[in-house]
Amino acid sequence: MSQAIKTVLRSDELSCPSCVPKIEKALNALPGVEKAVVRFNTGRIEVEHDPGQTSIEALVAAVRCTGYEARPSAF
């Protein structure tokens, strides 16, 4: 089993706080995700996950399935 890493995604489309639990739920449902936190005010999405089980592409796709776009971010 791989060690968990933190991946940061960014979304400029978060329009209201009600999107936060929807995105967190979708990300937390993925295999290998230990914790997902969406920060509405900054558009920052922090995900602690096992990269051997869930890729960054899968994280982005999970956000997209909730109706929002996200991209990997260095910040």
N, C-alpha and C. Protein backbone atom coordinates (compact mmCIF):
# COMPACT_ATOMS: atom_id res chain seq x y z
N MET A 1 0.83 -1.18 0.00
CA MET A 1 0.00 0.00 0.00
C MET A 1 0.88 1.25 0.00
N SER A 2 0.55 2.20 -0.85
CA SER A 2 1.31 3.44 -0.94
C SER A 2 0.97 4.35 0.23
N GLN A 3 1.87 5.28 0.47
CA GLN A 3 1.64 6.27 1.51
C GLN A 3 0.74 7.38 0.95
N ALA A 4 -0.15 7.89 1.78
CA ALA A 4 -1.06 8.94 1.35
C ALA A 4 -0.29 10.22 1.04
N ILE A 5 -0.75 10.91 0.02
CA ILE A 5 -0.19 12.20 -0.35
C ILE A 5 -1.32 13.23 -0.32
N LYS A 6 -0.96 14.50 -0.32
CA LYS A 6 -1.96 15.55 -0.42
C LYS A 6 -1.90 16.15 -1.80
N THR A 7 -3.03 16.13 -2.49
CA THR A 7 -3.15 16.76 -3.79
C THR A 7 -4.04 17.98 -3.63
N VAL A 8 -3.62 19.07 -4.24
CA VAL A 8 -4.41 20.30 -4.18
C VAL A 8 -4.98 20.57 -5.57
N LEU A 9 -6.28 20.73 -5.60
CA LEU A 9 -6.97 21.12 -6.83
C LEU A 9 -7.50 22.53 -6.64
N ARG A 10 -7.79 23.19 -7.72
CA ARG A 10 -8.38 24.53 -7.65
C ARG A 10 -9.58 24.58 -8.58
N SER A 11 -10.62 25.24 -8.11
CA SER A 11 -11.82 25.45 -8.91
C SER A 11 -12.22 26.91 -8.80
N ASP A 12 -12.39 27.55 -9.95
CA ASP A 12 -12.82 28.94 -9.98
C ASP A 12 -14.34 29.05 -10.12
N GLU A 13 -15.02 27.89 -10.12
CA GLU A 13 -16.45 27.86 -10.39
C GLU A 13 -17.33 27.72 -9.15
N LEU A 14 -16.76 27.67 -7.96
CA LEU A 14 -17.57 27.46 -6.77
C LEU A 14 -18.41 28.71 -6.51
N SER A 15 -19.71 28.58 -6.74
CA SER A 15 -20.57 29.75 -6.71
C SER A 15 -21.34 29.93 -5.40
N CYS A 16 -21.44 28.86 -4.61
CA CYS A 16 -22.15 28.98 -3.35
C CYS A 16 -21.67 27.91 -2.38
N PRO A 17 -21.80 28.16 -1.09
CA PRO A 17 -21.31 27.19 -0.10
C PRO A 17 -21.98 25.82 -0.16
N SER A 18 -23.15 25.73 -0.77
CA SER A 18 -23.84 24.44 -0.82
C SER A 18 -23.13 23.43 -1.71
N CYS A 19 -22.19 23.89 -2.54
CA CYS A 19 -21.44 22.96 -3.39
C CYS A 19 -20.38 22.20 -2.59
N VAL A 20 -19.98 22.72 -1.45
CA VAL A 20 -18.90 22.13 -0.66
C VAL A 20 -19.20 20.67 -0.27
N PRO A 21 -20.32 20.39 0.41
CA PRO A 21 -20.56 18.99 0.81
C PRO A 21 -20.74 18.05 -0.38
N LYS A 22 -21.28 18.56 -1.45
CA LYS A 22 -21.48 17.74 -2.66
C LYS A 22 -20.14 17.28 -3.23
N ILE A 23 -19.18 18.19 -3.32
CA ILE A 23 -17.86 17.85 -3.85
C ILE A 23 -17.10 16.98 -2.86
N GLU A 24 -17.14 17.32 -1.58
CA GLU A 24 -16.45 16.51 -0.57
C GLU A 24 -16.98 15.08 -0.57
N LYS A 25 -18.28 14.91 -0.67
CA LYS A 25 -18.88 13.57 -0.68
C LYS A 25 -18.40 12.76 -1.88
N ALA A 26 -18.36 13.38 -3.05
CA ALA A 26 -17.92 12.69 -4.26
C ALA A 26 -16.46 12.26 -4.15
N LEU A 27 -15.62 13.14 -3.62
CA LEU A 27 -14.20 12.81 -3.48
C LEU A 27 -13.98 11.75 -2.40
N ASN A 28 -14.65 11.88 -1.27
CA ASN A 28 -14.48 10.92 -0.18
C ASN A 28 -14.99 9.53 -0.55
N ALA A 29 -15.82 9.41 -1.56
CA ALA A 29 -16.33 8.11 -2.00
C ALA A 29 -15.33 7.34 -2.86
N LEU A 30 -14.28 8.01 -3.32
CA LEU A 30 -13.29 7.34 -4.17
C LEU A 30 -12.40 6.42 -3.34
N PRO A 31 -11.98 5.29 -3.91
CA PRO A 31 -11.09 4.40 -3.18
C PRO A 31 -9.76 5.08 -2.90
N GLY A 32 -9.25 4.90 -1.70
CA GLY A 32 -7.96 5.45 -1.34
C GLY A 32 -7.99 6.88 -0.83
N VAL A 33 -9.15 7.54 -0.90
CA VAL A 33 -9.24 8.91 -0.38
C VAL A 33 -9.48 8.84 1.12
N GLU A 34 -8.58 9.47 1.86
CA GLU A 34 -8.69 9.51 3.32
C GLU A 34 -9.48 10.72 3.79
N LYS A 35 -9.31 11.85 3.08
CA LYS A 35 -9.97 13.08 3.50
C LYS A 35 -9.98 14.07 2.36
N ALA A 36 -11.12 14.71 2.16
CA ALA A 36 -11.24 15.77 1.16
C ALA A 36 -11.84 16.99 1.84
N VAL A 37 -11.23 18.14 1.63
CA VAL A 37 -11.71 19.40 2.21
C VAL A 37 -11.81 20.44 1.11
N VAL A 38 -12.99 21.02 0.96
CA VAL A 38 -13.21 22.07 -0.03
C VAL A 38 -13.28 23.40 0.70
N ARG A 39 -12.49 24.34 0.26
CA ARG A 39 -12.49 25.69 0.84
C ARG A 39 -13.18 26.63 -0.15
N PHE A 40 -14.46 26.86 0.11
CA PHE A 40 -15.29 27.64 -0.79
C PHE A 40 -14.71 29.02 -1.09
N ASN A 41 -14.25 29.71 -0.06
CA ASN A 41 -13.81 31.10 -0.23
C ASN A 41 -12.57 31.24 -1.10
N THR A 42 -11.75 30.19 -1.21
CA THR A 42 -10.54 30.28 -2.03
C THR A 42 -10.60 29.40 -3.28
N GLY A 43 -11.56 28.50 -3.35
CA GLY A 43 -11.64 27.58 -4.48
C GLY A 43 -10.62 26.45 -4.38
N ARG A 44 -10.03 26.30 -3.22
CA ARG A 44 -8.99 25.28 -3.00
C ARG A 44 -9.64 23.97 -2.53
N ILE A 45 -9.23 22.87 -3.14
CA ILE A 45 -9.74 21.55 -2.77
C ILE A 45 -8.53 20.70 -2.39
N GLU A 46 -8.47 20.29 -1.13
CA GLU A 46 -7.34 19.51 -0.63
C GLU A 46 -7.79 18.07 -0.44
N VAL A 47 -7.04 17.14 -1.02
CA VAL A 47 -7.42 15.73 -0.95
C VAL A 47 -6.22 14.91 -0.49
N GLU A 48 -6.38 14.21 0.61
CA GLU A 48 -5.37 13.25 1.07
C GLU A 48 -5.79 11.89 0.53
N HIS A 49 -4.90 11.28 -0.27
CA HIS A 49 -5.28 10.02 -0.92
C HIS A 49 -4.07 9.16 -1.20
N ASP A 50 -4.34 7.90 -1.44
CA ASP A 50 -3.32 6.93 -1.83
C ASP A 50 -3.21 6.97 -3.35
N PRO A 51 -2.08 7.46 -3.89
CA PRO A 51 -1.95 7.58 -5.34
C PRO A 51 -1.96 6.23 -6.06
N GLY A 52 -1.74 5.15 -5.31
CA GLY A 52 -1.81 3.82 -5.90
C GLY A 52 -3.25 3.37 -6.14
N GLN A 53 -4.19 4.04 -5.49
CA GLN A 53 -5.60 3.68 -5.65
C GLN A 53 -6.41 4.71 -6.42
N THR A 54 -6.05 5.97 -6.28
CA THR A 54 -6.80 7.04 -6.94
C THR A 54 -5.84 8.05 -7.54
N SER A 55 -5.98 8.28 -8.83
CA SER A 55 -5.11 9.22 -9.54
C SER A 55 -5.66 10.65 -9.46
N ILE A 56 -4.82 11.59 -9.82
CA ILE A 56 -5.25 12.99 -9.87
C ILE A 56 -6.37 13.14 -10.91
N GLU A 57 -6.25 12.41 -12.00
CA GLU A 57 -7.28 12.47 -13.05
C GLU A 57 -8.63 12.01 -12.49
N ALA A 58 -8.62 10.98 -11.62
CA ALA A 58 -9.86 10.50 -11.02
C ALA A 58 -10.45 11.54 -10.07
N LEU A 59 -9.59 12.26 -9.36
CA LEU A 59 -10.06 13.32 -8.47
C LEU A 59 -10.74 14.43 -9.29
N VAL A 60 -10.10 14.84 -10.36
CA VAL A 60 -10.67 15.89 -11.23
C VAL A 60 -12.00 15.41 -11.81
N ALA A 61 -12.05 14.15 -12.24
CA ALA A 61 -13.28 13.60 -12.81
C ALA A 61 -14.41 13.56 -11.78
N ALA A 62 -14.09 13.25 -10.53
CA ALA A 62 -15.11 13.21 -9.48
C ALA A 62 -15.69 14.60 -9.26
N VAL A 63 -14.84 15.62 -9.27
CA VAL A 63 -15.34 16.99 -9.13
C VAL A 63 -16.21 17.34 -10.33
N ARG A 64 -15.77 16.97 -11.52
CA ARG A 64 -16.53 17.25 -12.74
C ARG A 64 -17.92 16.61 -12.69
N CYS A 65 -18.01 15.43 -12.11
CA CYS A 65 -19.30 14.73 -12.00
C CYS A 65 -20.29 15.48 -11.11
N THR A 66 -19.79 16.36 -10.26
CA THR A 66 -20.68 17.16 -9.41
C THR A 66 -21.12 18.44 -10.11
N GLY A 67 -20.62 18.67 -11.32
CA GLY A 67 -21.01 19.85 -12.09
C GLY A 67 -20.02 21.00 -12.04
N TYR A 68 -18.83 20.74 -11.49
CA TYR A 68 -17.82 21.80 -11.38
C TYR A 68 -16.53 21.34 -12.04
N GLU A 69 -15.74 22.28 -12.48
CA GLU A 69 -14.43 21.98 -13.06
C GLU A 69 -13.37 22.20 -12.00
N ALA A 70 -12.31 21.42 -12.07
CA ALA A 70 -11.17 21.58 -11.16
C ALA A 70 -9.91 21.24 -11.93
N ARG A 71 -8.79 21.76 -11.44
CA ARG A 71 -7.50 21.48 -12.06
C ARG A 71 -6.46 21.35 -10.96
N PRO A 72 -5.42 20.57 -11.21
CA PRO A 72 -4.34 20.48 -10.21
C PRO A 72 -3.72 21.85 -9.98
N SER A 73 -3.31 22.10 -8.76
CA SER A 73 -2.72 23.39 -8.40
C SER A 73 -1.47 23.17 -7.56
N ALA A 74 -0.49 24.02 -7.75
CA ALA A 74 0.73 23.96 -6.95
C ALA A 74 0.56 24.70 -5.63
N PHE A 75 -0.49 25.48 -5.51
CA PHE A 75 -0.70 26.30 -4.29
C PHE A 75 -1.89 25.79 -3.52
